[in-house]
Amino acid sequence: MSHVPLKLLALLGLGLAACAQAPAGSVQLGYEDGRLYGGSLATGTTALFKGRVQLDDNLEKGFWLGTQLTEAWGLEGSVRRCSTDLVQPDAGIWSSQPKVAGLDYAVLEMAAHRSCRLGHCHPYWRVGAGLAKLDLEPTDAPGRSLRRASLSAGAGAVFWLAPWFGFRFDLRAHAIYLGTRGGGQDQGAMDGGRWLRTQEILAGAVVSFDRR
């Protein structure tokens, strides 16, 4: 079987990648899929649990809409959601971690990002703030819903295969402020237990529309 068509397609793809540039002032719409890692609710965060509980790693997905304000600076809004479990941590690598509750984790966020152009690759860093919603569903208590302020910082890159289509890879650290801990556990304004800290690895497709 001839490999000429495959070679031509490969050369076409390389040519598009070499000349692709997202136009300044463009609107970008993307879908992202990935994984949520880590995070725990410290003792006293909620009266539903006697001690510390930990988020189980699970799949996360969402959408984002952004625009380039200048050649380097942009602004985007995103929403992400993950359905996972809260587990009781235990010492040891192979120790059991029984499920104590279900958790529906959602974040609505606005972020500023600065990018640079290296051919078809546009690396960037970003900082964001928004609102997180945590729906707790303990098996022995009615569901509870928490809405809290959140902060994030991260970096990534967009790889443009054409001026209107590409792929994005994103690494993000996320922190949700849960407030003062109860039960005499709080240690003041610098208490790390007031925060739920997670990490996210996300990847997805992006399309670009010129708004001019």
C-alpha atoms as a PDB file:
ATOM      1  CA  MET A   1       0.000   0.000   0.000  1.00  0.00           C
ATOM      2  CA  SER A   2       1.327   3.454  -0.941  1.00  0.00           C
ATOM      3  CA  HIS A   3       2.409   5.742   1.871  1.00  0.00           C
ATOM      4  CA  VAL A   4       2.300   8.873  -0.295  1.00  0.00           C
ATOM      5  CA  PRO A   5      -1.163  10.042   0.970  1.00  0.00           C
ATOM      6  CA  LEU A   6      -0.035   9.616   4.573  1.00  0.00           C
ATOM      7  CA  LYS A   7       3.147  11.584   3.907  1.00  0.00           C
ATOM      8  CA  LEU A   8       1.164  14.357   2.201  1.00  0.00           C
ATOM      9  CA  LEU A   9      -1.224  14.551   5.169  1.00  0.00           C
ATOM     10  CA  ALA A  10       1.718  14.690   7.581  1.00  0.00           C
ATOM     11  CA  LEU A  11       3.354  17.486   5.583  1.00  0.00           C
ATOM     12  CA  LEU A  12       0.055  19.386   5.455  1.00  0.00           C
ATOM     13  CA  GLY A  13      -0.340  19.072   9.209  1.00  0.00           C
ATOM     14  CA  LEU A  14       3.213  20.298   9.812  1.00  0.00           C
ATOM     15  CA  GLY A  15       2.634  23.223   7.480  1.00  0.00           C
ATOM     16  CA  LEU A  16      -0.543  24.243   9.269  1.00  0.00           C
ATOM     17  CA  ALA A  17       1.153  23.915  12.649  1.00  0.00           C
ATOM     18  CA  ALA A  18       4.115  26.016  11.533  1.00  0.00           C
ATOM     19  CA  CYS A  19       2.027  28.954  10.343  1.00  0.00           C
ATOM     20  CA  ALA A  20      -0.947  28.753  12.713  1.00  0.00           C
ATOM     21  CA  GLN A  21      -1.482  31.787  14.943  1.00  0.00           C
ATOM     22  CA  ALA A  22      -4.544  32.656  17.014  1.00  0.00           C
ATOM     23  CA  PRO A  23      -5.448  36.231  15.982  1.00  0.00           C
ATOM     24  CA  ALA A  24      -5.252  38.990  18.596  1.00  0.00           C
ATOM     25  CA  GLY A  25      -8.719  39.922  19.784  1.00  0.00           C
ATOM     26  CA  SER A  26     -10.088  36.469  19.007  1.00  0.00           C
ATOM     27  CA  VAL A  27     -12.701  34.661  21.068  1.00  0.00           C
ATOM     28  CA  GLN A  28     -11.745  31.163  22.170  1.00  0.00           C
ATOM     29  CA  LEU A  29     -14.073  28.397  23.303  1.00  0.00           C
ATOM     30  CA  GLY A  30     -12.740  25.190  24.807  1.00  0.00           C
ATOM     31  CA  TYR A  31     -13.698  21.895  26.403  1.00  0.00           C
ATOM     32  CA  GLU A  32     -11.367  20.388  29.000  1.00  0.00           C
ATOM     33  CA  ASP A  33     -11.163  16.982  30.601  1.00  0.00           C
ATOM     34  CA  GLY A  34      -8.727  15.781  33.236  1.00  0.00           C
ATOM     35  CA  ARG A  35      -8.247  14.742  36.825  1.00  0.00           C
ATOM     36  CA  LEU A  36      -8.614  16.312  40.253  1.00  0.00           C
ATOM     37  CA  TYR A  37      -5.944  15.357  42.798  1.00  0.00           C
ATOM     38  CA  GLY A  38      -5.581  15.641  46.544  1.00  0.00           C
ATOM     39  CA  GLY A  39      -7.248  17.895  49.030  1.00  0.00           C
ATOM     40  CA  SER A  40      -8.711  17.314  52.480  1.00  0.00           C
ATOM     41  CA  LEU A  41     -11.209  18.789  54.912  1.00  0.00           C
ATOM     42  CA  ALA A  42      -9.403  19.313  58.214  1.00  0.00           C
ATOM     43  CA  THR A  43     -10.855  18.419  61.592  1.00  0.00           C
ATOM     44  CA  GLY A  44     -13.483  20.994  62.563  1.00  0.00           C
ATOM     45  CA  THR A  45     -14.167  22.137  59.008  1.00  0.00           C
ATOM     46  CA  THR A  46     -17.663  20.671  59.200  1.00  0.00           C
ATOM     47  CA  ALA A  47     -19.637  19.105  62.038  1.00  0.00           C
ATOM     48  CA  LEU A  48     -20.554  16.193  59.766  1.00  0.00           C
ATOM     49  CA  PHE A  49     -17.211  14.457  60.387  1.00  0.00           C
ATOM     50  CA  LYS A  50     -15.291  13.883  63.615  1.00  0.00           C
ATOM     51  CA  GLY A  51     -11.838  14.045  62.027  1.00  0.00           C
ATOM     52  CA  ARG A  52     -10.031  14.876  58.806  1.00  0.00           C
ATOM     53  CA  VAL A  53     -11.449  13.493  55.569  1.00  0.00           C
ATOM     54  CA  GLN A  54      -9.728  13.402  52.210  1.00  0.00           C
ATOM     55  CA  LEU A  55     -10.906  13.858  48.626  1.00  0.00           C
ATOM     56  CA  ASP A  56     -10.492  10.806  46.440  1.00  0.00           C
ATOM     57  CA  ASP A  57      -8.797  11.479  43.093  1.00  0.00           C
ATOM     58  CA  ASN A  58     -11.328  11.466  40.279  1.00  0.00           C
ATOM     59  CA  LEU A  59     -12.154  12.674  36.769  1.00  0.00           C
ATOM     60  CA  GLU A  60     -13.000  16.329  36.150  1.00  0.00           C
ATOM     61  CA  LYS A  61     -14.423  18.131  33.140  1.00  0.00           C
ATOM     62  CA  GLY A  62     -15.553  21.589  32.125  1.00  0.00           C
ATOM     63  CA  PHE A  63     -15.812  24.391  29.581  1.00  0.00           C
ATOM     64  CA  TRP A  64     -14.123  27.755  29.203  1.00  0.00           C
ATOM     65  CA  LEU A  65     -14.625  30.925  27.152  1.00  0.00           C
ATOM     66  CA  GLY A  66     -11.845  33.455  26.691  1.00  0.00           C
ATOM     67  CA  THR A  67     -10.717  36.460  24.719  1.00  0.00           C
ATOM     68  CA  GLN A  68      -7.365  38.086  23.898  1.00  0.00           C
ATOM     69  CA  LEU A  69      -7.295  41.668  25.186  1.00  0.00           C
ATOM     70  CA  THR A  70      -3.836  42.285  23.685  1.00  0.00           C
ATOM     71  CA  GLU A  71      -1.178  40.185  21.971  1.00  0.00           C
ATOM     72  CA  ALA A  72       0.008  38.918  25.372  1.00  0.00           C
ATOM     73  CA  TRP A  73      -2.877  39.321  27.843  1.00  0.00           C
ATOM     74  CA  GLY A  74      -6.190  37.540  27.880  1.00  0.00           C
ATOM     75  CA  LEU A  75      -9.210  36.919  30.075  1.00  0.00           C
ATOM     76  CA  GLU A  76     -11.298  33.775  30.426  1.00  0.00           C
ATOM     77  CA  GLY A  77     -14.216  32.373  32.367  1.00  0.00           C
ATOM     78  CA  SER A  78     -14.488  28.679  33.131  1.00  0.00           C
ATOM     79  CA  VAL A  79     -16.671  26.165  34.890  1.00  0.00           C
ATOM     80  CA  ARG A  80     -15.431  22.759  36.080  1.00  0.00           C
ATOM     81  CA  ARG A  81     -17.160  19.889  37.832  1.00  0.00           C
ATOM     82  CA  CYS A  82     -16.102  16.668  39.530  1.00  0.00           C
ATOM     83  CA  SER A  83     -18.146  14.010  41.334  1.00  0.00           C
ATOM     84  CA  THR A  84     -15.968  12.183  43.826  1.00  0.00           C
ATOM     85  CA  ASP A  85     -15.886  10.658  47.324  1.00  0.00           C
ATOM     86  CA  LEU A  86     -14.639  11.745  50.701  1.00  0.00           C
ATOM     87  CA  VAL A  87     -12.622   8.988  52.348  1.00  0.00           C
ATOM     88  CA  GLN A  88     -11.240   8.421  55.828  1.00  0.00           C
ATOM     89  CA  PRO A  89      -7.415   8.554  55.549  1.00  0.00           C
ATOM     90  CA  ASP A  90      -5.381   5.922  57.358  1.00  0.00           C
ATOM     91  CA  ALA A  91      -1.685   5.321  57.882  1.00  0.00           C
ATOM     92  CA  GLY A  92       0.160   2.951  55.556  1.00  0.00           C
ATOM     93  CA  ILE A  93       0.532   2.624  51.803  1.00  0.00           C
ATOM     94  CA  TRP A  94      -1.931  -0.253  51.429  1.00  0.00           C
ATOM     95  CA  SER A  95      -4.328   0.747  54.196  1.00  0.00           C
ATOM     96  CA  SER A  96      -8.038   0.834  53.493  1.00  0.00           C
ATOM     97  CA  GLN A  97      -9.725   4.194  53.025  1.00  0.00           C
ATOM     98  CA  PRO A  98     -13.441   3.751  53.605  1.00  0.00           C
ATOM     99  CA  LYS A  99     -15.852   6.127  51.927  1.00  0.00           C
ATOM    100  CA  VAL A 100     -17.620   8.442  54.368  1.00  0.00           C
ATOM    101  CA  ALA A 101     -19.487  10.730  51.955  1.00  0.00           C
ATOM    102  CA  GLY A 102     -20.073  11.725  48.369  1.00  0.00           C
ATOM    103  CA  LEU A 103     -18.939  15.088  47.093  1.00  0.00           C
ATOM    104  CA  ASP A 104     -20.081  17.096  44.089  1.00  0.00           C
ATOM    105  CA  TYR A 105     -17.330  19.661  43.422  1.00  0.00           C
ATOM    106  CA  ALA A 106     -17.925  22.600  41.049  1.00  0.00           C
ATOM    107  CA  VAL A 107     -15.952  25.804  40.403  1.00  0.00           C
ATOM    108  CA  LEU A 108     -16.984  28.940  38.492  1.00  0.00           C
ATOM    109  CA  GLU A 109     -13.931  31.108  37.856  1.00  0.00           C
ATOM    110  CA  MET A 110     -12.560  34.151  36.058  1.00  0.00           C
ATOM    111  CA  ALA A 111      -8.846  34.207  35.228  1.00  0.00           C
ATOM    112  CA  ALA A 112      -6.280  36.475  33.611  1.00  0.00           C
ATOM    113  CA  HIS A 113      -3.529  34.859  31.572  1.00  0.00           C
ATOM    114  CA  ARG A 114      -0.350  36.009  29.866  1.00  0.00           C
ATOM    115  CA  SER A 115       0.903  34.080  26.861  1.00  0.00           C
ATOM    116  CA  CYS A 116       3.685  34.239  24.308  1.00  0.00           C
ATOM    117  CA  ARG A 117       3.897  32.904  20.768  1.00  0.00           C
ATOM    118  CA  LEU A 118       6.468  30.304  19.811  1.00  0.00           C
ATOM    119  CA  GLY A 119       5.243  29.358  16.367  1.00  0.00           C
ATOM    120  CA  HIS A 120       2.191  27.145  16.752  1.00  0.00           C
ATOM    121  CA  CYS A 121       2.788  26.735  20.509  1.00  0.00           C
ATOM    122  CA  HIS A 122       1.444  29.430  22.862  1.00  0.00           C
ATOM    123  CA  PRO A 123       2.646  28.784  26.443  1.00  0.00           C
ATOM    124  CA  TYR A 124       0.962  30.809  29.204  1.00  0.00           C
ATOM    125  CA  TRP A 125       0.591  31.302  32.926  1.00  0.00           C
ATOM    126  CA  ARG A 126      -2.654  32.256  34.661  1.00  0.00           C
ATOM    127  CA  VAL A 127      -4.163  33.426  37.949  1.00  0.00           C
ATOM    128  CA  GLY A 128      -7.849  33.246  38.774  1.00  0.00           C
ATOM    129  CA  ALA A 129     -10.543  33.735  41.392  1.00  0.00           C
ATOM    130  CA  GLY A 130     -14.101  32.570  41.650  1.00  0.00           C
ATOM    131  CA  LEU A 131     -16.743  30.675  43.559  1.00  0.00           C
ATOM    132  CA  ALA A 132     -16.680  27.007  44.513  1.00  0.00           C
ATOM    133  CA  LYS A 133     -19.695  24.890  45.408  1.00  0.00           C
ATOM    134  CA  LEU A 134     -19.277  21.760  47.512  1.00  0.00           C
ATOM    135  CA  ASP A 135     -22.313  19.497  47.849  1.00  0.00           C
ATOM    136  CA  LEU A 136     -21.700  17.004  50.651  1.00  0.00           C
ATOM    137  CA  GLU A 137     -23.798  13.857  50.744  1.00  0.00           C
ATOM    138  CA  PRO A 138     -22.980  11.831  53.876  1.00  0.00           C
ATOM    139  CA  THR A 139     -24.625   8.441  54.044  1.00  0.00           C
ATOM    140  CA  ASP A 140     -25.905   9.122  57.574  1.00  0.00           C
ATOM    141  CA  ALA A 141     -26.934  12.787  57.254  1.00  0.00           C
ATOM    142  CA  PRO A 142     -28.827  15.007  54.821  1.00  0.00           C
ATOM    143  CA  GLY A 143     -26.831  16.627  52.032  1.00  0.00           C
ATOM    144  CA  ARG A 144     -25.087  19.899  52.828  1.00  0.00           C
ATOM    145  CA  SER A 145     -24.093  22.600  50.364  1.00  0.00           C
ATOM    146  CA  LEU A 146     -21.155  24.978  50.851  1.00  0.00           C
ATOM    147  CA  ARG A 147     -20.370  27.995  48.662  1.00  0.00           C
ATOM    148  CA  ARG A 148     -16.923  29.453  49.179  1.00  0.00           C
ATOM    149  CA  ALA A 149     -14.432  31.827  47.528  1.00  0.00           C
ATOM    150  CA  SER A 150     -11.599  30.204  45.603  1.00  0.00           C
ATOM    151  CA  LEU A 151      -8.197  31.093  44.137  1.00  0.00           C
ATOM    152  CA  SER A 152      -6.073  29.378  41.511  1.00  0.00           C
ATOM    153  CA  ALA A 153      -2.729  29.650  39.730  1.00  0.00           C
ATOM    154  CA  GLY A 154      -1.342  27.587  36.900  1.00  0.00           C
ATOM    155  CA  ALA A 155       0.387  27.307  33.576  1.00  0.00           C
ATOM    156  CA  GLY A 156      -0.067  25.505  30.301  1.00  0.00           C
ATOM    157  CA  ALA A 157       0.133  25.767  26.547  1.00  0.00           C
ATOM    158  CA  VAL A 158      -2.121  25.878  23.499  1.00  0.00           C
ATOM    159  CA  PHE A 159      -0.964  23.987  20.398  1.00  0.00           C
ATOM    160  CA  TRP A 160      -2.634  25.414  17.290  1.00  0.00           C
ATOM    161  CA  LEU A 161      -3.103  22.994  14.389  1.00  0.00           C
ATOM    162  CA  ALA A 162      -4.885  25.728  12.418  1.00  0.00           C
ATOM    163  CA  PRO A 163      -5.690  29.396  13.161  1.00  0.00           C
ATOM    164  CA  TRP A 164      -9.160  28.303  14.314  1.00  0.00           C
ATOM    165  CA  PHE A 165      -8.471  24.958  16.051  1.00  0.00           C
ATOM    166  CA  GLY A 166      -6.008  23.562  18.564  1.00  0.00           C
ATOM    167  CA  PHE A 167      -5.435  21.663  21.797  1.00  0.00           C
ATOM    168  CA  ARG A 168      -4.738  22.994  25.288  1.00  0.00           C
ATOM    169  CA  PHE A 169      -2.866  21.402  28.194  1.00  0.00           C
ATOM    170  CA  ASP A 170      -3.236  22.965  31.653  1.00  0.00           C
ATOM    171  CA  LEU A 171      -1.739  22.418  35.131  1.00  0.00           C
ATOM    172  CA  ARG A 172      -3.459  24.180  38.000  1.00  0.00           C
ATOM    173  CA  ALA A 173      -3.222  24.557  41.783  1.00  0.00           C
ATOM    174  CA  HIS A 174      -6.507  25.455  43.410  1.00  0.00           C
ATOM    175  CA  ALA A 175      -7.421  26.651  46.930  1.00  0.00           C
ATOM    176  CA  ILE A 176     -10.903  27.069  48.417  1.00  0.00           C
ATOM    177  CA  TYR A 177     -11.313  29.106  51.600  1.00  0.00           C
ATOM    178  CA  LEU A 178     -13.540  27.125  53.978  1.00  0.00           C
ATOM    179  CA  GLY A 179     -13.555  29.551  56.910  1.00  0.00           C
ATOM    180  CA  THR A 180     -12.867  29.246  60.614  1.00  0.00           C
ATOM    181  CA  ARG A 181     -12.765  25.699  61.944  1.00  0.00           C
ATOM    182  CA  GLY A 182     -15.030  24.711  64.806  1.00  0.00           C
ATOM    183  CA  GLY A 183     -14.614  22.450  67.812  1.00  0.00           C
ATOM    184  CA  GLY A 184     -11.691  24.432  69.172  1.00  0.00           C
ATOM    185  CA  GLN A 185      -9.486  23.303  66.268  1.00  0.00           C
ATOM    186  CA  ASP A 186      -8.844  26.684  64.622  1.00  0.00           C
ATOM    187  CA  GLN A 187      -5.349  28.124  65.082  1.00  0.00           C
ATOM    188  CA  GLY A 188      -5.858  31.654  63.841  1.00  0.00           C
ATOM    189  CA  ALA A 189      -5.641  33.541  60.579  1.00  0.00           C
ATOM    190  CA  MET A 190      -2.684  31.451  59.327  1.00  0.00           C
ATOM    191  CA  ASP A 191      -4.387  28.120  59.986  1.00  0.00           C
ATOM    192  CA  GLY A 192      -3.804  25.952  56.903  1.00  0.00           C
ATOM    193  CA  GLY A 193      -6.853  23.875  57.806  1.00  0.00           C
ATOM    194  CA  ARG A 194      -9.096  26.707  56.658  1.00  0.00           C
ATOM    195  CA  TRP A 195      -8.244  25.892  53.032  1.00  0.00           C
ATOM    196  CA  LEU A 196      -9.128  23.011  50.729  1.00  0.00           C
ATOM    197  CA  ARG A 197      -6.167  22.668  48.344  1.00  0.00           C
ATOM    198  CA  THR A 198      -6.294  20.577  45.185  1.00  0.00           C
ATOM    199  CA  GLN A 199      -4.297  20.095  41.979  1.00  0.00           C
ATOM    200  CA  GLU A 200      -5.735  19.677  38.499  1.00  0.00           C
ATOM    201  CA  ILE A 201      -4.383  18.310  35.233  1.00  0.00           C
ATOM    202  CA  LEU A 202      -6.583  19.230  32.278  1.00  0.00           C
ATOM    203  CA  ALA A 203      -6.440  18.865  28.508  1.00  0.00           C
ATOM    204  CA  GLY A 204      -8.907  19.559  25.740  1.00  0.00           C
ATOM    205  CA  ALA A 205      -9.772  21.097  22.392  1.00  0.00           C
ATOM    206  CA  VAL A 206     -10.163  24.803  21.630  1.00  0.00           C
ATOM    207  CA  VAL A 207     -11.716  26.672  18.704  1.00  0.00           C
ATOM    208  CA  SER A 208     -11.033  30.319  17.906  1.00  0.00           C
ATOM    209  CA  PHE A 209     -13.361  32.919  16.353  1.00  0.00           C
ATOM    210  CA  ASP A 210     -12.214  36.308  15.127  1.00  0.00           C
ATOM    211  CA  ARG A 211     -14.537  38.889  16.676  1.00  0.00           C
ATOM    212  CA  ARG A 212     -13.418  41.739  14.422  1.00  0.00           C
END
